Amino acid sequence: FTVNAQREDALEVPAVFSRLRFWRSTPVAALPLPVAGLATSSPVRYVSNKGVLGHEWNEDVDNGFRPAGNIRLSRTEVDSVQYLMDHGGTFDVGSACHHMTLYRASSSALVFN
C-alpha cells in the first residue's frame, strides 16, 4: 500500500471513463462526455458513497511490473493523506491518486485492483 490513513473517501469516476463496457447499466454510463474546448466550473464525474476508499490503498504506479492489458476504470485524487515515502516505514502527509484497475489474467479471470 502507499496510503495508510484513517479516512473514508468516496471513489470518483470522471466522465472520460463512462464509455468503458465495465460501467454499462450503471449511473456512470449516463455521464455526459466532456466537450473539447468547453470550459466547465467542475469536471463531470460520478462520486460514490463515502467509505469506498478506506484505511489502506495503493496507487496504480507504472513501475514496469503492471500486468499486460491493465486498464484504469476510475481516478480519485486525495490530499492530506498519510503517504508511504519509502519501502517500509517512513510516512508523511502528501497527495495520492487512486485508480481502480482491471485486467484479464492468463487463466481468463478478470482481476480488479
C-alpha atoms as a PDB file:
ATOM      1  CA  PHE A   1       0.000   0.000   0.000  1.00  0.00           C
ATOM      2  CA  THR A   2       1.027   3.609  -0.464  1.00  0.00           C
ATOM      3  CA  VAL A   3      -1.755   5.295   1.526  1.00  0.00           C
ATOM      4  CA  ASN A   4      -2.286   4.485   5.184  1.00  0.00           C
ATOM      5  CA  ALA A   5      -4.978   6.728   6.586  1.00  0.00           C
ATOM      6  CA  GLN A   6      -7.987   6.543   8.866  1.00  0.00           C
ATOM      7  CA  ARG A   7     -10.258   8.019   6.201  1.00  0.00           C
ATOM      8  CA  GLU A   8     -13.425   7.110   4.385  1.00  0.00           C
ATOM      9  CA  ASP A   9     -13.208   8.755   0.973  1.00  0.00           C
ATOM     10  CA  ALA A  10     -15.524   8.362  -1.996  1.00  0.00           C
ATOM     11  CA  LEU A  11     -14.454   6.714  -5.259  1.00  0.00           C
ATOM     12  CA  GLU A  12     -14.647   9.135  -8.195  1.00  0.00           C
ATOM     13  CA  VAL A  13     -15.205   8.160 -11.825  1.00  0.00           C
ATOM     14  CA  PRO A  14     -14.643  11.010 -14.304  1.00  0.00           C
ATOM     15  CA  ALA A  15     -16.846  11.025 -17.407  1.00  0.00           C
ATOM     16  CA  VAL A  16     -13.874  10.072 -19.592  1.00  0.00           C
ATOM     17  CA  PHE A  17     -14.230   6.509 -18.191  1.00  0.00           C
ATOM     18  CA  SER A  18     -18.015   6.347 -18.647  1.00  0.00           C
ATOM     19  CA  ARG A  19     -17.987   4.594 -22.040  1.00  0.00           C
ATOM     20  CA  LEU A  20     -15.989   1.597 -20.819  1.00  0.00           C
ATOM     21  CA  ARG A  21     -18.012  -1.622 -21.005  1.00  0.00           C
ATOM     22  CA  PHE A  22     -17.392  -2.193 -17.297  1.00  0.00           C
ATOM     23  CA  TRP A  23     -19.699   0.729 -16.436  1.00  0.00           C
ATOM     24  CA  ARG A  24     -22.588  -0.374 -18.706  1.00  0.00           C
ATOM     25  CA  SER A  25     -26.007  -0.248 -16.979  1.00  0.00           C
ATOM     26  CA  THR A  26     -24.679   1.889 -14.104  1.00  0.00           C
ATOM     27  CA  PRO A  27     -25.125   5.588 -13.282  1.00  0.00           C
ATOM     28  CA  VAL A  28     -21.572   6.145 -14.577  1.00  0.00           C
ATOM     29  CA  ALA A  29     -22.640   5.198 -18.123  1.00  0.00           C
ATOM     30  CA  ALA A  30     -25.116   8.101 -18.170  1.00  0.00           C
ATOM     31  CA  LEU A  31     -22.442  10.755 -17.588  1.00  0.00           C
ATOM     32  CA  PRO A  32     -22.125  13.190 -20.484  1.00  0.00           C
ATOM     33  CA  LEU A  33     -18.736  13.205 -22.151  1.00  0.00           C
ATOM     34  CA  PRO A  34     -16.746  16.441 -21.853  1.00  0.00           C
ATOM     35  CA  VAL A  35     -16.828  18.699 -24.911  1.00  0.00           C
ATOM     36  CA  ALA A  36     -13.387  19.648 -26.245  1.00  0.00           C
ATOM     37  CA  GLY A  37     -12.646  23.341 -25.778  1.00  0.00           C
ATOM     38  CA  LEU A  38     -15.622  23.938 -23.473  1.00  0.00           C
ATOM     39  CA  ALA A  39     -14.565  25.110 -20.026  1.00  0.00           C
ATOM     40  CA  THR A  40     -16.679  23.927 -17.100  1.00  0.00           C
ATOM     41  CA  SER A  41     -16.598  25.044 -13.492  1.00  0.00           C
ATOM     42  CA  SER A  42     -16.235  21.459 -12.272  1.00  0.00           C
ATOM     43  CA  PRO A  43     -15.436  18.229 -14.093  1.00  0.00           C
ATOM     44  CA  VAL A  44     -18.312  15.842 -14.779  1.00  0.00           C
ATOM     45  CA  ARG A  45     -17.877  12.750 -12.647  1.00  0.00           C
ATOM     46  CA  TYR A  46     -19.683  10.100 -10.619  1.00  0.00           C
ATOM     47  CA  VAL A  47     -18.955  10.176  -6.878  1.00  0.00           C
ATOM     48  CA  SER A  48     -19.685   7.055  -4.817  1.00  0.00           C
ATOM     49  CA  ASN A  49     -20.747   6.973  -1.196  1.00  0.00           C
ATOM     50  CA  LYS A  50     -18.026   7.821   1.294  1.00  0.00           C
ATOM     51  CA  GLY A  51     -16.100   4.852   2.624  1.00  0.00           C
ATOM     52  CA  VAL A  52     -15.372   3.061  -0.649  1.00  0.00           C
ATOM     53  CA  LEU A  53     -11.726   4.065  -0.274  1.00  0.00           C
ATOM     54  CA  GLY A  54     -10.848   3.034   3.213  1.00  0.00           C
ATOM     55  CA  HIS A  55      -7.864   2.643   5.502  1.00  0.00           C
ATOM     56  CA  GLU A  56      -5.120   1.351   3.145  1.00  0.00           C
ATOM     57  CA  TRP A  57      -4.903   1.532  -0.643  1.00  0.00           C
ATOM     58  CA  ASN A  58      -2.401   1.516  -3.479  1.00  0.00           C
ATOM     59  CA  GLU A  59      -1.710   3.820  -6.351  1.00  0.00           C
ATOM     60  CA  ASP A  60      -1.514   2.441  -9.894  1.00  0.00           C
ATOM     61  CA  VAL A  61       2.175   3.181 -10.405  1.00  0.00           C
ATOM     62  CA  ASP A  62       3.755   2.268 -13.739  1.00  0.00           C
ATOM     63  CA  ASN A  63       6.858   0.627 -12.269  1.00  0.00           C
ATOM     64  CA  GLY A  64       7.479  -1.933 -15.002  1.00  0.00           C
ATOM     65  CA  PHE A  65       5.539  -4.693 -13.240  1.00  0.00           C
ATOM     66  CA  ARG A  66       1.968  -3.892 -14.308  1.00  0.00           C
ATOM     67  CA  PRO A  67       0.034  -6.799 -15.862  1.00  0.00           C
ATOM     68  CA  ALA A  68      -0.438  -6.757 -19.633  1.00  0.00           C
ATOM     69  CA  GLY A  69      -3.755  -5.187 -20.628  1.00  0.00           C
ATOM     70  CA  ASN A  70      -4.226  -3.393 -17.301  1.00  0.00           C
ATOM     71  CA  ILE A  71      -6.735  -0.533 -17.730  1.00  0.00           C
ATOM     72  CA  ARG A  72      -7.883   2.213 -15.387  1.00  0.00           C
ATOM     73  CA  LEU A  73     -11.579   2.453 -14.511  1.00  0.00           C
ATOM     74  CA  SER A  74     -11.570   5.452 -12.156  1.00  0.00           C
ATOM     75  CA  ARG A  75      -9.485   8.324 -10.816  1.00  0.00           C
ATOM     76  CA  THR A  76      -9.685   9.758  -7.296  1.00  0.00           C
ATOM     77  CA  GLU A  77      -7.229  12.394  -6.099  1.00  0.00           C
ATOM     78  CA  VAL A  78      -6.933  12.751  -2.331  1.00  0.00           C
ATOM     79  CA  ASP A  79      -4.940  15.399  -0.465  1.00  0.00           C
ATOM     80  CA  SER A  80      -3.562  15.321   3.082  1.00  0.00           C
ATOM     81  CA  VAL A  81      -3.222  11.566   3.455  1.00  0.00           C
ATOM     82  CA  GLN A  82      -0.640   9.578   5.384  1.00  0.00           C
ATOM     83  CA  TYR A  83       1.611   8.566   2.468  1.00  0.00           C
ATOM     84  CA  LEU A  84       4.354   5.906   2.442  1.00  0.00           C
ATOM     85  CA  MET A  85       7.555   7.691   1.433  1.00  0.00           C
ATOM     86  CA  ASP A  86       9.949   4.717   1.185  1.00  0.00           C
ATOM     87  CA  HIS A  87       9.821   0.917   1.074  1.00  0.00           C
ATOM     88  CA  GLY A  88       8.572   0.236   4.538  1.00  0.00           C
ATOM     89  CA  GLY A  89       8.164   2.618   7.407  1.00  0.00           C
ATOM     90  CA  THR A  90       8.520   6.323   6.658  1.00  0.00           C
ATOM     91  CA  PHE A  91       5.237   8.187   6.340  1.00  0.00           C
ATOM     92  CA  ASP A  92       4.479  11.830   5.686  1.00  0.00           C
ATOM     93  CA  VAL A  93       1.422  13.835   4.703  1.00  0.00           C
ATOM     94  CA  GLY A  94       1.001  14.021   0.958  1.00  0.00           C
ATOM     95  CA  SER A  95      -1.321  13.694  -2.007  1.00  0.00           C
ATOM     96  CA  ALA A  96      -2.225  10.442  -3.729  1.00  0.00           C
ATOM     97  CA  CYS A  97      -4.191   9.337  -6.756  1.00  0.00           C
ATOM     98  CA  HIS A  98      -6.219   6.107  -6.604  1.00  0.00           C
ATOM     99  CA  HIS A  99      -7.231   4.255  -9.778  1.00  0.00           C
ATOM    100  CA  MET A 100      -9.484   1.222  -9.818  1.00  0.00           C
ATOM    101  CA  THR A 101      -7.943  -1.111 -12.419  1.00  0.00           C
ATOM    102  CA  LEU A 102      -8.929  -4.210 -14.357  1.00  0.00           C
ATOM    103  CA  TYR A 103      -7.060  -6.801 -16.398  1.00  0.00           C
ATOM    104  CA  ARG A 104      -7.614 -10.320 -17.706  1.00  0.00           C
ATOM    105  CA  ALA A 105      -5.264 -12.924 -16.222  1.00  0.00           C
ATOM    106  CA  SER A 106      -3.799 -15.777 -18.271  1.00  0.00           C
ATOM    107  CA  SER A 107      -6.479 -18.015 -16.686  1.00  0.00           C
ATOM    108  CA  SER A 108      -9.125 -15.713 -18.321  1.00  0.00           C
ATOM    109  CA  ALA A 109     -10.219 -14.429 -14.904  1.00  0.00           C
ATOM    110  CA  LEU A 110     -10.957 -10.709 -14.614  1.00  0.00           C
ATOM    111  CA  VAL A 111      -8.807  -9.199 -11.872  1.00  0.00           C
ATOM    112  CA  PHE A 112      -9.704  -5.928 -10.111  1.00  0.00           C
ATOM    113  CA  ASN A 113      -7.359  -3.834  -8.062  1.00  0.00           C
END
